[in-house]
Amino acid sequence: MSIRDNLRLVNGNKKRQEEVIGEVGLHDFIMSLPKGYSTVLTQNASNISGGQKQLLSIARSLLTDAEILLMDDITASLDPKTTNQIIELLVKLKEDHTILVITNREDLIHRADQIIYMNEGQVKCFRSFKELKDNGEIESGVLL
């Protein structure tokens, strides 16, 4: 299906789709494609990069107008530039969304308002990164 059809599954408003695609930083890329929003995505969207797939997934999440977003390993296998773009987007989104991110990446953990550290299904702590560091519970990026 096309990029437009993919977005339409969540929200049929073209203006809103393009606003959200602009927010996540994909609009210029999509417009650079020969068929723009009518570009057909191959199976598993293998004709776009991993970062572009992640950004498209975030855009689809935002089109739902959900107040709570759950992101699992959102920056896995991405280049540093795209990782930073996604982190900055999450920082912006947390102003009016509750975002739960499952990750072991320090660059995301440092930006979290609260960290819930779990081990073997048990919550071990629930604190800010600063509190963890101040209490000596974190050393060289490793939670003790």
N, C-alpha and C. Protein backbone atom coordinates (compact mmCIF):
# COMPACT_ATOMS: atom_id res chain seq x y z
N MET A 1 0.83 -1.18 0.00
CA MET A 1 0.00 0.00 0.00
C MET A 1 0.87 1.24 0.00
N SER A 2 0.29 2.34 -0.37
CA SER A 2 1.05 3.60 -0.45
C SER A 2 1.26 4.18 0.96
N ILE A 3 2.15 5.14 1.02
CA ILE A 3 2.38 5.84 2.29
C ILE A 3 1.07 6.49 2.73
N ARG A 4 0.35 7.11 1.80
CA ARG A 4 -0.92 7.77 2.13
C ARG A 4 -1.91 6.75 2.67
N ASP A 5 -2.04 5.57 2.00
CA ASP A 5 -2.95 4.52 2.47
C ASP A 5 -2.55 4.03 3.84
N ASN A 6 -1.25 3.93 4.08
CA ASN A 6 -0.74 3.48 5.37
C ASN A 6 -1.17 4.44 6.47
N LEU A 7 -1.08 5.73 6.21
CA LEU A 7 -1.50 6.74 7.18
C LEU A 7 -3.02 6.77 7.33
N ARG A 8 -3.72 6.55 6.23
CA ARG A 8 -5.18 6.59 6.22
C ARG A 8 -5.78 5.49 7.12
N LEU A 9 -5.04 4.42 7.34
CA LEU A 9 -5.52 3.35 8.23
C LEU A 9 -5.79 3.89 9.64
N VAL A 10 -5.07 4.94 9.99
CA VAL A 10 -5.19 5.52 11.33
C VAL A 10 -6.05 6.79 11.33
N ASN A 11 -5.83 7.65 10.31
CA ASN A 11 -6.54 8.92 10.26
C ASN A 11 -6.64 9.35 8.79
N GLY A 12 -7.84 9.55 8.30
CA GLY A 12 -8.06 9.87 6.90
C GLY A 12 -7.88 11.33 6.53
N ASN A 13 -7.63 12.20 7.50
CA ASN A 13 -7.49 13.63 7.23
C ASN A 13 -6.10 13.93 6.65
N LYS A 14 -6.05 14.25 5.35
CA LYS A 14 -4.77 14.48 4.67
C LYS A 14 -3.98 15.62 5.29
N LYS A 15 -4.67 16.69 5.66
CA LYS A 15 -3.98 17.84 6.26
C LYS A 15 -3.31 17.42 7.57
N ARG A 16 -4.03 16.68 8.39
CA ARG A 16 -3.48 16.21 9.67
C ARG A 16 -2.32 15.24 9.43
N GLN A 17 -2.46 14.37 8.43
CA GLN A 17 -1.38 13.44 8.10
C GLN A 17 -0.10 14.20 7.78
N GLU A 18 -0.22 15.22 6.94
CA GLU A 18 0.96 15.97 6.53
C GLU A 18 1.54 16.81 7.66
N GLU A 19 0.69 17.29 8.57
CA GLU A 19 1.19 18.00 9.75
C GLU A 19 2.06 17.08 10.58
N VAL A 20 1.54 15.88 10.84
CA VAL A 20 2.26 14.92 11.69
C VAL A 20 3.53 14.43 10.99
N ILE A 21 3.45 14.17 9.70
CA ILE A 21 4.64 13.75 8.96
C ILE A 21 5.70 14.86 9.02
N GLY A 22 5.26 16.11 8.97
CA GLY A 22 6.19 17.23 9.12
C GLY A 22 6.81 17.26 10.50
N GLU A 23 5.99 17.01 11.54
CA GLU A 23 6.48 17.00 12.92
C GLU A 23 7.57 15.96 13.13
N VAL A 24 7.43 14.81 12.52
CA VAL A 24 8.43 13.76 12.71
C VAL A 24 9.60 13.89 11.74
N GLY A 25 9.53 14.85 10.83
CA GLY A 25 10.64 15.13 9.94
C GLY A 25 10.72 14.28 8.69
N LEU A 26 9.59 13.74 8.23
CA LEU A 26 9.59 12.90 7.05
C LEU A 26 9.03 13.57 5.80
N HIS A 27 8.42 14.73 5.94
CA HIS A 27 7.73 15.34 4.80
C HIS A 27 8.66 15.58 3.61
N ASP A 28 9.82 16.17 3.84
CA ASP A 28 10.74 16.46 2.74
C ASP A 28 11.18 15.17 2.05
N PHE A 29 11.46 14.13 2.86
CA PHE A 29 11.85 12.84 2.27
C PHE A 29 10.73 12.29 1.39
N ILE A 30 9.52 12.29 1.91
CA ILE A 30 8.39 11.74 1.14
C ILE A 30 8.19 12.54 -0.14
N MET A 31 8.29 13.85 -0.06
CA MET A 31 8.11 14.68 -1.24
C MET A 31 9.24 14.50 -2.26
N SER A 32 10.39 14.00 -1.81
CA SER A 32 11.49 13.75 -2.74
C SER A 32 11.31 12.45 -3.52
N LEU A 33 10.40 11.61 -3.08
CA LEU A 33 10.13 10.35 -3.79
C LEU A 33 9.37 10.66 -5.07
N PRO A 34 9.60 9.89 -6.12
CA PRO A 34 8.94 10.18 -7.41
C PRO A 34 7.41 10.27 -7.31
N LYS A 35 6.80 9.47 -6.45
CA LYS A 35 5.34 9.50 -6.32
C LYS A 35 4.88 10.10 -5.00
N GLY A 36 5.79 10.72 -4.25
CA GLY A 36 5.42 11.37 -3.00
C GLY A 36 4.64 10.46 -2.08
N TYR A 37 3.53 10.95 -1.56
CA TYR A 37 2.70 10.18 -0.63
C TYR A 37 2.05 8.97 -1.32
N SER A 38 2.06 8.93 -2.65
CA SER A 38 1.50 7.79 -3.39
C SER A 38 2.51 6.67 -3.59
N THR A 39 3.72 6.85 -3.08
CA THR A 39 4.74 5.81 -3.18
C THR A 39 4.27 4.56 -2.46
N VAL A 40 4.36 3.44 -3.14
CA VAL A 40 3.93 2.17 -2.56
C VAL A 40 5.07 1.60 -1.73
N LEU A 41 4.75 1.24 -0.49
CA LEU A 41 5.73 0.61 0.39
C LEU A 41 5.73 -0.89 0.10
N THR A 42 6.90 -1.45 -0.08
CA THR A 42 7.01 -2.88 -0.34
C THR A 42 6.75 -3.64 0.97
N GLN A 43 6.72 -4.96 0.86
CA GLN A 43 6.51 -5.77 2.05
C GLN A 43 7.58 -5.43 3.08
N ASN A 44 7.18 -5.25 4.31
CA ASN A 44 8.05 -4.84 5.41
C ASN A 44 8.69 -3.46 5.17
N ALA A 45 8.13 -2.69 4.25
CA ALA A 45 8.63 -1.35 3.92
C ALA A 45 10.13 -1.38 3.67
N SER A 46 10.59 -2.41 2.96
CA SER A 46 12.02 -2.57 2.71
C SER A 46 12.58 -1.52 1.74
N ASN A 47 11.71 -0.72 1.12
CA ASN A 47 12.20 0.32 0.22
C ASN A 47 12.43 1.66 0.92
N ILE A 48 12.32 1.68 2.25
CA ILE A 48 12.71 2.85 3.03
C ILE A 48 13.64 2.38 4.15
N SER A 49 14.40 3.30 4.71
CA SER A 49 15.39 2.93 5.74
C SER A 49 14.71 2.57 7.06
N GLY A 50 15.48 1.95 7.94
CA GLY A 50 14.98 1.60 9.27
C GLY A 50 14.53 2.83 10.05
N GLY A 51 15.30 3.91 9.95
CA GLY A 51 14.94 5.14 10.63
C GLY A 51 13.65 5.73 10.09
N GLN A 52 13.49 5.68 8.77
CA GLN A 52 12.26 6.20 8.16
C GLN A 52 11.06 5.36 8.57
N LYS A 53 11.24 4.04 8.70
CA LYS A 53 10.16 3.17 9.19
C LYS A 53 9.77 3.56 10.61
N GLN A 54 10.79 3.80 11.46
CA GLN A 54 10.52 4.18 12.85
C GLN A 54 9.76 5.50 12.90
N LEU A 55 10.19 6.47 12.10
CA LEU A 55 9.51 7.76 12.09
C LEU A 55 8.09 7.63 11.55
N LEU A 56 7.88 6.79 10.56
CA LEU A 56 6.53 6.55 10.05
C LEU A 56 5.66 5.91 11.12
N SER A 57 6.23 4.99 11.89
CA SER A 57 5.49 4.36 12.98
C SER A 57 5.11 5.38 14.06
N ILE A 58 6.04 6.27 14.37
CA ILE A 58 5.74 7.32 15.35
C ILE A 58 4.62 8.21 14.81
N ALA A 59 4.70 8.57 13.53
CA ALA A 59 3.67 9.41 12.92
C ALA A 59 2.31 8.72 13.02
N ARG A 60 2.27 7.45 12.75
CA ARG A 60 0.99 6.72 12.86
C ARG A 60 0.47 6.75 14.30
N SER A 61 1.38 6.62 15.26
CA SER A 61 0.97 6.70 16.67
C SER A 61 0.37 8.06 16.98
N LEU A 62 1.01 9.11 16.46
CA LEU A 62 0.53 10.47 16.73
C LEU A 62 -0.80 10.75 16.04
N LEU A 63 -1.05 10.11 14.93
CA LEU A 63 -2.32 10.30 14.23
C LEU A 63 -3.50 9.75 15.01
N THR A 64 -3.24 8.89 15.97
CA THR A 64 -4.33 8.33 16.79
C THR A 64 -4.79 9.32 17.85
N ASP A 65 -4.02 10.38 18.08
CA ASP A 65 -4.28 11.35 19.15
C ASP A 65 -4.24 10.70 20.52
N ALA A 66 -3.49 9.61 20.65
CA ALA A 66 -3.34 8.93 21.94
C ALA A 66 -2.58 9.84 22.91
N GLU A 67 -2.96 9.80 24.16
CA GLU A 67 -2.26 10.58 25.17
C GLU A 67 -1.09 9.81 25.76
N ILE A 68 -1.14 8.49 25.64
CA ILE A 68 -0.08 7.64 26.15
C ILE A 68 0.53 6.87 24.98
N LEU A 69 1.85 6.96 24.86
CA LEU A 69 2.57 6.27 23.79
C LEU A 69 3.52 5.26 24.43
N LEU A 70 3.51 4.03 23.93
CA LEU A 70 4.42 2.99 24.39
C LEU A 70 5.39 2.68 23.27
N MET A 71 6.66 2.90 23.52
CA MET A 71 7.70 2.70 22.51
C MET A 71 8.67 1.64 23.01
N ASP A 72 8.81 0.57 22.25
CA ASP A 72 9.70 -0.52 22.64
C ASP A 72 10.94 -0.52 21.75
N ASP A 73 12.09 -0.24 22.35
CA ASP A 73 13.37 -0.27 21.65
C ASP A 73 13.33 0.56 20.36
N ILE A 74 12.82 1.77 20.49
CA ILE A 74 12.51 2.63 19.35
C ILE A 74 13.72 3.04 18.52
N THR A 75 14.92 3.01 19.11
CA THR A 75 16.09 3.43 18.36
C THR A 75 17.02 2.26 18.01
N ALA A 76 16.52 1.05 18.13
CA ALA A 76 17.36 -0.12 17.82
C ALA A 76 17.80 -0.09 16.37
N SER A 77 19.06 -0.37 16.16
CA SER A 77 19.65 -0.49 14.81
C SER A 77 19.57 0.78 13.97
N LEU A 78 19.49 1.92 14.60
CA LEU A 78 19.43 3.18 13.85
C LEU A 78 20.78 3.88 13.89
N ASP A 79 21.05 4.68 12.88
CA ASP A 79 22.28 5.46 12.85
C ASP A 79 22.18 6.58 13.89
N PRO A 80 23.31 7.12 14.33
CA PRO A 80 23.30 8.16 15.37
C PRO A 80 22.45 9.39 15.02
N LYS A 81 22.47 9.81 13.76
CA LYS A 81 21.70 11.00 13.36
C LYS A 81 20.19 10.75 13.54
N THR A 82 19.70 9.61 13.08
CA THR A 82 18.28 9.30 13.22
C THR A 82 17.92 9.07 14.68
N THR A 83 18.82 8.43 15.43
CA THR A 83 18.60 8.23 16.87
C THR A 83 18.41 9.57 17.55
N ASN A 84 19.28 10.53 17.27
CA ASN A 84 19.16 11.86 17.88
C ASN A 84 17.88 12.55 17.45
N GLN A 85 17.48 12.37 16.20
CA GLN A 85 16.24 12.96 15.70
C GLN A 85 15.04 12.39 16.48
N ILE A 86 15.03 11.10 16.70
CA ILE A 86 13.93 10.46 17.43
C ILE A 86 13.94 10.90 18.90
N ILE A 87 15.12 10.99 19.51
CA ILE A 87 15.21 11.44 20.90
C ILE A 87 14.66 12.86 21.03
N GLU A 88 15.04 13.75 20.12
CA GLU A 88 14.54 15.12 20.17
C GLU A 88 13.03 15.17 19.95
N LEU A 89 12.52 14.31 19.09
CA LEU A 89 11.08 14.23 18.87
C LEU A 89 10.38 13.77 20.14
N LEU A 90 10.93 12.77 20.82
CA LEU A 90 10.32 12.28 22.07
C LEU A 90 10.34 13.36 23.15
N VAL A 91 11.42 14.11 23.22
CA VAL A 91 11.51 15.21 24.19
C VAL A 91 10.40 16.22 23.93
N LYS A 92 10.17 16.53 22.66
CA LYS A 92 9.10 17.46 22.29
C LYS A 92 7.72 16.86 22.61
N LEU A 93 7.54 15.59 22.29
CA LEU A 93 6.25 14.95 22.50
C LEU A 93 5.89 14.80 23.97
N LYS A 94 6.88 14.70 24.84
CA LYS A 94 6.57 14.48 26.25
C LYS A 94 5.93 15.69 26.91
N GLU A 95 5.91 16.82 26.19
CA GLU A 95 5.23 18.01 26.71
C GLU A 95 3.73 17.78 26.84
N ASP A 96 3.14 16.99 25.92
CA ASP A 96 1.69 16.76 25.99
C ASP A 96 1.31 15.29 25.81
N HIS A 97 2.26 14.40 26.03
CA HIS A 97 1.99 12.97 26.01
C HIS A 97 2.69 12.31 27.19
N THR A 98 2.14 11.22 27.63
CA THR A 98 2.86 10.34 28.54
C THR A 98 3.53 9.30 27.65
N ILE A 99 4.84 9.19 27.76
CA ILE A 99 5.58 8.28 26.89
C ILE A 99 6.31 7.26 27.75
N LEU A 100 6.03 6.02 27.48
CA LEU A 100 6.73 4.92 28.14
C LEU A 100 7.68 4.32 27.11
N VAL A 101 8.97 4.34 27.43
CA VAL A 101 9.98 3.84 26.51
C VAL A 101 10.69 2.67 27.17
N ILE A 102 10.70 1.55 26.48
CA ILE A 102 11.44 0.39 26.94
C ILE A 102 12.77 0.43 26.21
N THR A 103 13.86 0.56 26.97
CA THR A 103 15.17 0.70 26.34
C THR A 103 16.28 0.37 27.32
N ASN A 104 17.44 0.13 26.78
CA ASN A 104 18.65 0.04 27.59
C ASN A 104 19.67 1.06 27.11
N ARG A 105 19.24 1.97 26.25
CA ARG A 105 20.13 2.99 25.70
C ARG A 105 20.24 4.18 26.65
N GLU A 106 21.49 4.48 27.02
CA GLU A 106 21.72 5.58 27.95
C GLU A 106 21.23 6.92 27.44
N ASP A 107 21.38 7.18 26.13
CA ASP A 107 20.97 8.47 25.59
C ASP A 107 19.47 8.70 25.76
N LEU A 108 18.69 7.65 25.79
CA LEU A 108 17.25 7.79 26.07
C LEU A 108 16.99 7.84 27.56
N ILE A 109 17.68 7.02 28.32
CA ILE A 109 17.48 6.96 29.77
C ILE A 109 17.78 8.32 30.41
N HIS A 110 18.83 8.99 29.95
CA HIS A 110 19.21 10.30 30.51
C HIS A 110 18.10 11.34 30.33
N ARG A 111 17.29 11.19 29.29
CA ARG A 111 16.25 12.17 28.99
C ARG A 111 14.93 11.87 29.70
N ALA A 112 14.84 10.73 30.37
CA ALA A 112 13.59 10.33 31.01
C ALA A 112 13.31 11.17 32.26
N ASP A 113 12.04 11.47 32.46
CA ASP A 113 11.65 12.14 33.70
C ASP A 113 11.74 11.18 34.88
N GLN A 114 11.33 9.96 34.66
CA GLN A 114 11.38 8.91 35.68
C GLN A 114 11.86 7.62 35.02
N ILE A 115 12.61 6.84 35.78
CA ILE A 115 13.11 5.56 35.30
C ILE A 115 12.52 4.47 36.17
N ILE A 116 11.92 3.50 35.53
CA ILE A 116 11.45 2.32 36.24
C ILE A 116 12.42 1.21 35.84
N TYR A 117 13.23 0.78 36.78
CA TYR A 117 14.19 -0.27 36.50
C TYR A 117 13.59 -1.58 36.96
N MET A 118 13.52 -2.54 36.03
CA MET A 118 12.95 -3.85 36.34
C MET A 118 14.01 -4.91 36.10
N ASN A 119 13.95 -5.94 36.92
CA ASN A 119 14.83 -7.09 36.76
C ASN A 119 14.04 -8.34 37.11
N GLU A 120 14.02 -9.29 36.18
CA GLU A 120 13.29 -10.54 36.36
C GLU A 120 11.83 -10.30 36.77
N GLY A 121 11.20 -9.31 36.11
CA GLY A 121 9.79 -9.04 36.33
C GLY A 121 9.47 -8.25 37.58
N GLN A 122 10.47 -7.85 38.32
CA GLN A 122 10.26 -7.10 39.55
C GLN A 122 10.76 -5.67 39.39
N VAL A 123 9.99 -4.70 39.89
CA VAL A 123 10.41 -3.30 39.88
C VAL A 123 11.48 -3.15 40.97
N LYS A 124 12.67 -2.74 40.55
CA LYS A 124 13.77 -2.56 41.49
C LYS A 124 13.86 -1.12 41.99
N CYS A 125 13.48 -0.15 41.14
CA CYS A 125 13.46 1.24 41.59
C CYS A 125 12.64 2.08 40.63
N PHE A 126 12.22 3.24 41.11
CA PHE A 126 11.43 4.19 40.33
C PHE A 126 11.92 5.58 40.73
N ARG A 127 12.86 6.11 39.97
CA ARG A 127 13.47 7.40 40.31
C ARG A 127 13.89 8.13 39.04
N SER A 128 14.27 9.39 39.21
CA SER A 128 14.86 10.14 38.10
C SER A 128 16.31 9.71 37.95
N PHE A 129 16.89 9.99 36.80
CA PHE A 129 18.29 9.66 36.57
C PHE A 129 19.18 10.38 37.59
N LYS A 130 18.87 11.65 37.85
CA LYS A 130 19.65 12.43 38.82
C LYS A 130 19.61 11.78 40.20
N GLU A 131 18.41 11.35 40.63
CA GLU A 131 18.28 10.69 41.94
C GLU A 131 19.10 9.39 41.98
N LEU A 132 19.05 8.65 40.91
CA LEU A 132 19.82 7.40 40.85
C LEU A 132 21.31 7.68 40.98
N LYS A 133 21.76 8.71 40.27
CA LYS A 133 23.18 9.08 40.30
C LYS A 133 23.58 9.62 41.67
N ASP A 134 22.73 10.52 42.22
CA ASP A 134 23.02 11.12 43.53
C ASP A 134 23.05 10.07 44.63
N ASN A 135 22.21 9.04 44.53
CA ASN A 135 22.14 7.99 45.55
C ASN A 135 23.19 6.90 45.34
N GLY A 136 24.02 7.08 44.30
CA GLY A 136 25.05 6.08 44.04
C GLY A 136 24.50 4.78 43.49
N GLU A 137 23.28 4.83 42.95
CA GLU A 137 22.67 3.61 42.40
C GLU A 137 23.06 3.40 40.94
N ILE A 138 23.73 4.38 40.38
CA ILE A 138 24.14 4.25 38.99
C ILE A 138 25.61 4.62 38.90
N GLU A 139 26.36 3.79 38.20
CA GLU A 139 27.79 4.03 38.07
C GLU A 139 28.20 3.73 36.65
N SER A 140 28.81 4.70 36.00
CA SER A 140 29.26 4.53 34.63
C SER A 140 28.17 3.96 33.72
N GLY A 141 26.95 4.46 33.90
CA GLY A 141 25.86 4.04 33.03
C GLY A 141 25.24 2.70 33.39
N VAL A 142 25.70 2.06 34.47
CA VAL A 142 25.16 0.76 34.85
C VAL A 142 24.39 0.92 36.15
N LEU A 143 23.16 0.49 36.15
CA LEU A 143 22.34 0.54 37.36
C LEU A 143 22.80 -0.56 38.30
N LEU A 144 23.12 -0.20 39.52
CA LEU A 144 23.62 -1.19 40.50
C LEU A 144 22.47 -1.84 41.26
